[in-house]
């Protein structure tokens, strides 16, 4: 689905696609373009280029954005990462007897 709108920032006509809508929603969920860029390994400027439609969002990144929107993590934590996160959060385990 493609629609067009006038950008309030530039006054230019912008094509809106499912990808740009998903990016906007992900930006909202994670708290900003910089935060989304950090999650995807990109700069905030690159995120803005994707949102504006100046460059096309690769399918791999689109799927990561969909994971963010759906509340699922696309990354699998390693056991050491899980233990470090639990320790940081103050969760401890005692041996069962």
N, C-alpha and C. Protein backbone atom coordinates (compact mmCIF):
# COMPACT_ATOMS: atom_id res chain seq x y z
N UNK A 1 0.83 -1.17 0.00
CA UNK A 1 0.00 0.00 0.00
C UNK A 1 0.88 1.24 0.00
N UNK A 2 0.65 2.12 -0.91
CA UNK A 2 1.39 3.37 -1.00
C UNK A 2 0.41 4.54 -0.93
N UNK A 3 0.75 5.50 -0.12
CA UNK A 3 -0.01 6.75 -0.09
C UNK A 3 1.01 7.88 -0.11
N UNK A 4 0.56 9.08 -0.36
CA UNK A 4 1.46 10.22 -0.33
C UNK A 4 0.94 11.25 0.65
N UNK A 5 1.86 12.03 1.17
CA UNK A 5 1.52 13.11 2.09
C UNK A 5 2.57 14.19 1.95
N UNK A 6 2.29 15.36 2.49
CA UNK A 6 3.26 16.45 2.49
C UNK A 6 3.97 16.44 3.83
N UNK A 7 5.29 16.40 3.79
CA UNK A 7 6.08 16.39 5.02
C UNK A 7 5.94 17.73 5.73
N UNK A 8 5.61 17.71 7.03
CA UNK A 8 5.53 18.97 7.76
C UNK A 8 6.91 19.62 7.97
N UNK A 9 7.97 18.82 7.83
CA UNK A 9 9.33 19.32 8.05
C UNK A 9 9.93 19.96 6.81
N UNK A 10 9.65 19.38 5.65
CA UNK A 10 10.30 19.86 4.43
C UNK A 10 9.33 20.45 3.42
N UNK A 11 8.03 20.16 3.57
CA UNK A 11 7.06 20.63 2.60
C UNK A 11 7.05 19.82 1.32
N UNK A 12 7.85 18.75 1.27
CA UNK A 12 7.93 17.91 0.09
C UNK A 12 6.90 16.79 0.17
N UNK A 13 6.50 16.28 -0.98
CA UNK A 13 5.60 15.14 -1.01
C UNK A 13 6.39 13.89 -0.66
N UNK A 14 5.88 13.12 0.30
CA UNK A 14 6.54 11.92 0.78
C UNK A 14 5.63 10.73 0.54
N UNK A 15 6.21 9.68 -0.02
CA UNK A 15 5.47 8.44 -0.23
C UNK A 15 5.47 7.65 1.08
N UNK A 16 4.31 7.23 1.51
CA UNK A 16 4.18 6.44 2.73
C UNK A 16 3.94 4.98 2.34
N UNK A 17 4.78 4.11 2.87
CA UNK A 17 4.67 2.68 2.61
C UNK A 17 4.51 1.95 3.94
N UNK A 18 4.27 0.68 3.85
CA UNK A 18 4.20 -0.14 5.06
C UNK A 18 5.52 -0.03 5.82
N UNK A 19 6.63 0.00 5.08
CA UNK A 19 7.94 0.09 5.72
C UNK A 19 8.10 1.40 6.48
N UNK A 20 7.71 2.52 5.87
CA UNK A 20 7.87 3.80 6.56
C UNK A 20 6.93 3.89 7.75
N UNK A 21 5.73 3.34 7.63
CA UNK A 21 4.81 3.32 8.77
C UNK A 21 5.38 2.47 9.91
N UNK A 22 5.96 1.33 9.56
CA UNK A 22 6.56 0.46 10.57
C UNK A 22 7.74 1.16 11.25
N UNK A 23 8.55 1.85 10.47
CA UNK A 23 9.67 2.58 11.05
C UNK A 23 9.19 3.65 12.03
N UNK A 24 8.17 4.40 11.65
CA UNK A 24 7.65 5.43 12.55
C UNK A 24 7.14 4.83 13.85
N UNK A 25 6.45 3.70 13.75
CA UNK A 25 5.94 3.03 14.95
C UNK A 25 7.09 2.53 15.82
N UNK A 26 8.12 1.97 15.21
CA UNK A 26 9.28 1.48 15.97
C UNK A 26 10.00 2.63 16.66
N UNK A 27 10.11 3.77 15.98
CA UNK A 27 10.73 4.96 16.58
C UNK A 27 9.95 5.36 17.82
N UNK A 28 8.64 5.33 17.72
CA UNK A 28 7.78 5.67 18.85
C UNK A 28 7.98 4.69 20.01
N UNK A 29 8.05 3.40 19.70
CA UNK A 29 8.17 2.37 20.72
C UNK A 29 9.49 2.46 21.47
N UNK A 30 10.60 2.65 20.74
CA UNK A 30 11.92 2.63 21.39
C UNK A 30 12.34 3.99 21.93
N UNK A 31 11.59 5.04 21.59
CA UNK A 31 11.87 6.35 22.18
C UNK A 31 12.64 7.31 21.31
N UNK A 32 12.78 7.06 20.04
CA UNK A 32 13.42 8.03 19.15
C UNK A 32 14.24 7.39 18.05
N UNK A 33 14.63 8.24 17.11
CA UNK A 33 15.41 7.76 15.95
C UNK A 33 16.78 7.27 16.37
N UNK A 34 17.41 7.95 17.32
CA UNK A 34 18.74 7.52 17.78
C UNK A 34 18.66 6.15 18.45
N UNK A 35 17.62 5.93 19.25
CA UNK A 35 17.47 4.65 19.92
C UNK A 35 17.20 3.53 18.92
N UNK A 36 16.36 3.79 17.93
CA UNK A 36 16.10 2.77 16.92
C UNK A 36 17.38 2.50 16.13
N UNK A 37 18.10 3.54 15.78
CA UNK A 37 19.37 3.35 15.08
C UNK A 37 20.32 2.49 15.87
N UNK A 38 20.40 2.73 17.18
CA UNK A 38 21.28 1.92 18.03
C UNK A 38 20.85 0.46 18.03
N UNK A 39 19.55 0.21 18.08
CA UNK A 39 19.04 -1.17 18.06
C UNK A 39 19.37 -1.87 16.75
N UNK A 40 19.35 -1.11 15.65
CA UNK A 40 19.57 -1.70 14.32
C UNK A 40 21.01 -1.57 13.85
N UNK A 41 21.86 -0.89 14.62
CA UNK A 41 23.25 -0.70 14.21
C UNK A 41 23.40 0.36 13.13
N UNK A 42 22.54 1.37 13.17
CA UNK A 42 22.55 2.44 12.16
C UNK A 42 22.58 3.80 12.85
N UNK A 43 22.87 4.83 12.06
CA UNK A 43 22.82 6.19 12.60
C UNK A 43 21.38 6.70 12.55
N UNK A 44 21.09 7.70 13.37
CA UNK A 44 19.77 8.34 13.34
C UNK A 44 19.52 8.96 11.96
N UNK A 45 20.57 9.46 11.33
CA UNK A 45 20.43 10.04 9.99
C UNK A 45 19.98 9.00 8.97
N UNK A 46 20.50 7.79 9.09
CA UNK A 46 20.10 6.72 8.18
C UNK A 46 18.64 6.35 8.42
N UNK A 47 18.24 6.32 9.69
CA UNK A 47 16.84 6.04 10.02
C UNK A 47 15.95 7.09 9.36
N UNK A 48 16.35 8.37 9.44
CA UNK A 48 15.55 9.44 8.81
C UNK A 48 15.49 9.27 7.30
N UNK A 49 16.57 8.81 6.67
CA UNK A 49 16.56 8.57 5.22
C UNK A 49 15.57 7.46 4.86
N UNK A 50 15.54 6.41 5.68
CA UNK A 50 14.57 5.33 5.44
C UNK A 50 13.14 5.85 5.60
N UNK A 51 12.90 6.61 6.67
CA UNK A 51 11.55 7.12 6.94
C UNK A 51 11.09 8.07 5.84
N UNK A 52 12.00 8.87 5.34
CA UNK A 52 11.64 9.83 4.29
C UNK A 52 11.45 9.15 2.93
N UNK A 53 11.88 7.90 2.82
CA UNK A 53 11.77 7.19 1.55
C UNK A 53 12.90 7.51 0.58
N UNK A 54 13.90 8.23 1.04
CA UNK A 54 15.03 8.56 0.15
C UNK A 54 15.86 7.33 -0.18
N UNK A 55 15.93 6.40 0.76
CA UNK A 55 16.58 5.11 0.49
C UNK A 55 15.63 4.01 0.94
N UNK A 56 15.71 2.88 0.28
CA UNK A 56 14.82 1.76 0.59
C UNK A 56 15.34 0.96 1.77
N UNK A 57 14.41 0.55 2.61
CA UNK A 57 14.73 -0.26 3.78
C UNK A 57 14.95 -1.70 3.34
N UNK A 58 16.15 -2.26 3.59
CA UNK A 58 16.39 -3.66 3.23
C UNK A 58 15.45 -4.60 4.01
N UNK A 59 15.11 -5.72 3.41
CA UNK A 59 14.17 -6.66 4.03
C UNK A 59 14.64 -7.12 5.40
N UNK A 60 15.94 -7.38 5.55
CA UNK A 60 16.47 -7.83 6.85
C UNK A 60 16.17 -6.83 7.94
N UNK A 61 16.36 -5.53 7.65
CA UNK A 61 16.09 -4.50 8.64
C UNK A 61 14.59 -4.35 8.87
N UNK A 62 13.81 -4.48 7.80
CA UNK A 62 12.36 -4.40 7.95
C UNK A 62 11.87 -5.49 8.91
N UNK A 63 12.41 -6.69 8.78
CA UNK A 63 12.01 -7.78 9.67
C UNK A 63 12.40 -7.50 11.13
N UNK A 64 13.54 -6.86 11.34
CA UNK A 64 13.94 -6.46 12.69
C UNK A 64 12.98 -5.41 13.25
N UNK A 65 12.56 -4.47 12.40
CA UNK A 65 11.60 -3.45 12.80
C UNK A 65 10.28 -4.11 13.18
N UNK A 66 9.85 -5.09 12.40
CA UNK A 66 8.61 -5.81 12.70
C UNK A 66 8.73 -6.52 14.04
N UNK A 67 9.89 -7.11 14.33
CA UNK A 67 10.10 -7.75 15.63
C UNK A 67 9.96 -6.75 16.77
N UNK A 68 10.49 -5.55 16.60
CA UNK A 68 10.38 -4.52 17.62
C UNK A 68 8.91 -4.16 17.84
N UNK A 69 8.19 -3.98 16.76
CA UNK A 69 6.78 -3.60 16.86
C UNK A 69 5.96 -4.71 17.51
N UNK A 70 6.27 -5.93 17.18
CA UNK A 70 5.50 -7.05 17.72
C UNK A 70 5.90 -7.41 19.14
N UNK A 71 6.94 -6.76 19.66
CA UNK A 71 7.36 -6.99 21.03
C UNK A 71 8.28 -8.16 21.20
N UNK A 72 8.71 -8.74 20.10
CA UNK A 72 9.63 -9.87 20.17
C UNK A 72 11.04 -9.38 19.85
N UNK A 73 12.00 -10.00 20.46
CA UNK A 73 13.38 -9.64 20.19
C UNK A 73 13.93 -10.51 19.06
N UNK A 74 14.56 -9.86 18.08
CA UNK A 74 15.14 -10.61 16.98
C UNK A 74 16.48 -11.22 17.36
N UNK A 75 17.01 -10.78 18.49
CA UNK A 75 18.32 -11.26 18.91
C UNK A 75 18.16 -12.30 20.02
N UNK A 76 18.93 -13.34 19.95
CA UNK A 76 18.89 -14.39 20.96
C UNK A 76 20.03 -14.13 21.93
N UNK A 77 19.70 -14.05 23.23
CA UNK A 77 20.72 -13.81 24.23
C UNK A 77 21.56 -15.07 24.44
N UNK A 78 22.84 -14.85 24.61
CA UNK A 78 23.74 -15.94 24.96
C UNK A 78 23.60 -16.19 26.46
N UNK A 79 23.87 -17.42 26.93
CA UNK A 79 23.74 -17.70 28.37
C UNK A 79 24.53 -16.72 29.25
N UNK A 80 25.72 -16.35 28.83
CA UNK A 80 26.51 -15.39 29.61
C UNK A 80 25.85 -14.03 29.68
N UNK A 81 25.20 -13.61 28.59
CA UNK A 81 24.49 -12.33 28.58
C UNK A 81 23.30 -12.37 29.52
N UNK A 82 22.60 -13.51 29.55
CA UNK A 82 21.45 -13.65 30.43
C UNK A 82 21.91 -13.56 31.88
N UNK A 83 22.98 -14.26 32.23
CA UNK A 83 23.49 -14.24 33.60
C UNK A 83 23.94 -12.84 33.99
N UNK A 84 24.61 -12.13 33.09
CA UNK A 84 25.06 -10.76 33.38
C UNK A 84 23.86 -9.85 33.60
N UNK A 85 22.81 -9.99 32.77
CA UNK A 85 21.62 -9.16 32.93
C UNK A 85 20.93 -9.45 34.26
N UNK A 86 20.82 -10.74 34.60
CA UNK A 86 20.19 -11.10 35.87
C UNK A 86 20.98 -10.55 37.05
N UNK A 87 22.30 -10.65 37.00
CA UNK A 87 23.14 -10.12 38.07
C UNK A 87 22.98 -8.61 38.18
N UNK A 88 22.94 -7.93 37.04
CA UNK A 88 22.76 -6.48 37.02
C UNK A 88 21.42 -6.08 37.62
N UNK A 89 20.39 -6.91 37.37
CA UNK A 89 19.05 -6.63 37.88
C UNK A 89 18.87 -7.09 39.33
N UNK A 90 19.93 -7.66 39.93
CA UNK A 90 19.86 -8.08 41.31
C UNK A 90 19.20 -9.42 41.54
N UNK A 91 19.08 -10.21 40.49
CA UNK A 91 18.47 -11.54 40.64
C UNK A 91 19.59 -12.52 40.95
N UNK A 92 19.41 -13.26 42.01
CA UNK A 92 20.40 -14.26 42.38
C UNK A 92 19.72 -15.61 42.48
N UNK A 93 20.49 -16.62 42.36
CA UNK A 93 19.93 -17.97 42.49
C UNK A 93 20.65 -18.69 43.62
N UNK A 94 19.89 -19.46 44.34
CA UNK A 94 20.46 -20.28 45.41
C UNK A 94 20.30 -21.73 44.97
N UNK A 95 21.29 -22.55 45.25
CA UNK A 95 21.17 -23.95 44.87
C UNK A 95 19.99 -24.61 45.57
N UNK A 96 19.28 -25.44 44.81
CA UNK A 96 18.14 -26.20 45.39
C UNK A 96 18.66 -27.43 46.11
N UNK A 97 18.00 -27.78 47.19
CA UNK A 97 18.40 -28.97 47.94
C UNK A 97 17.30 -29.96 47.98
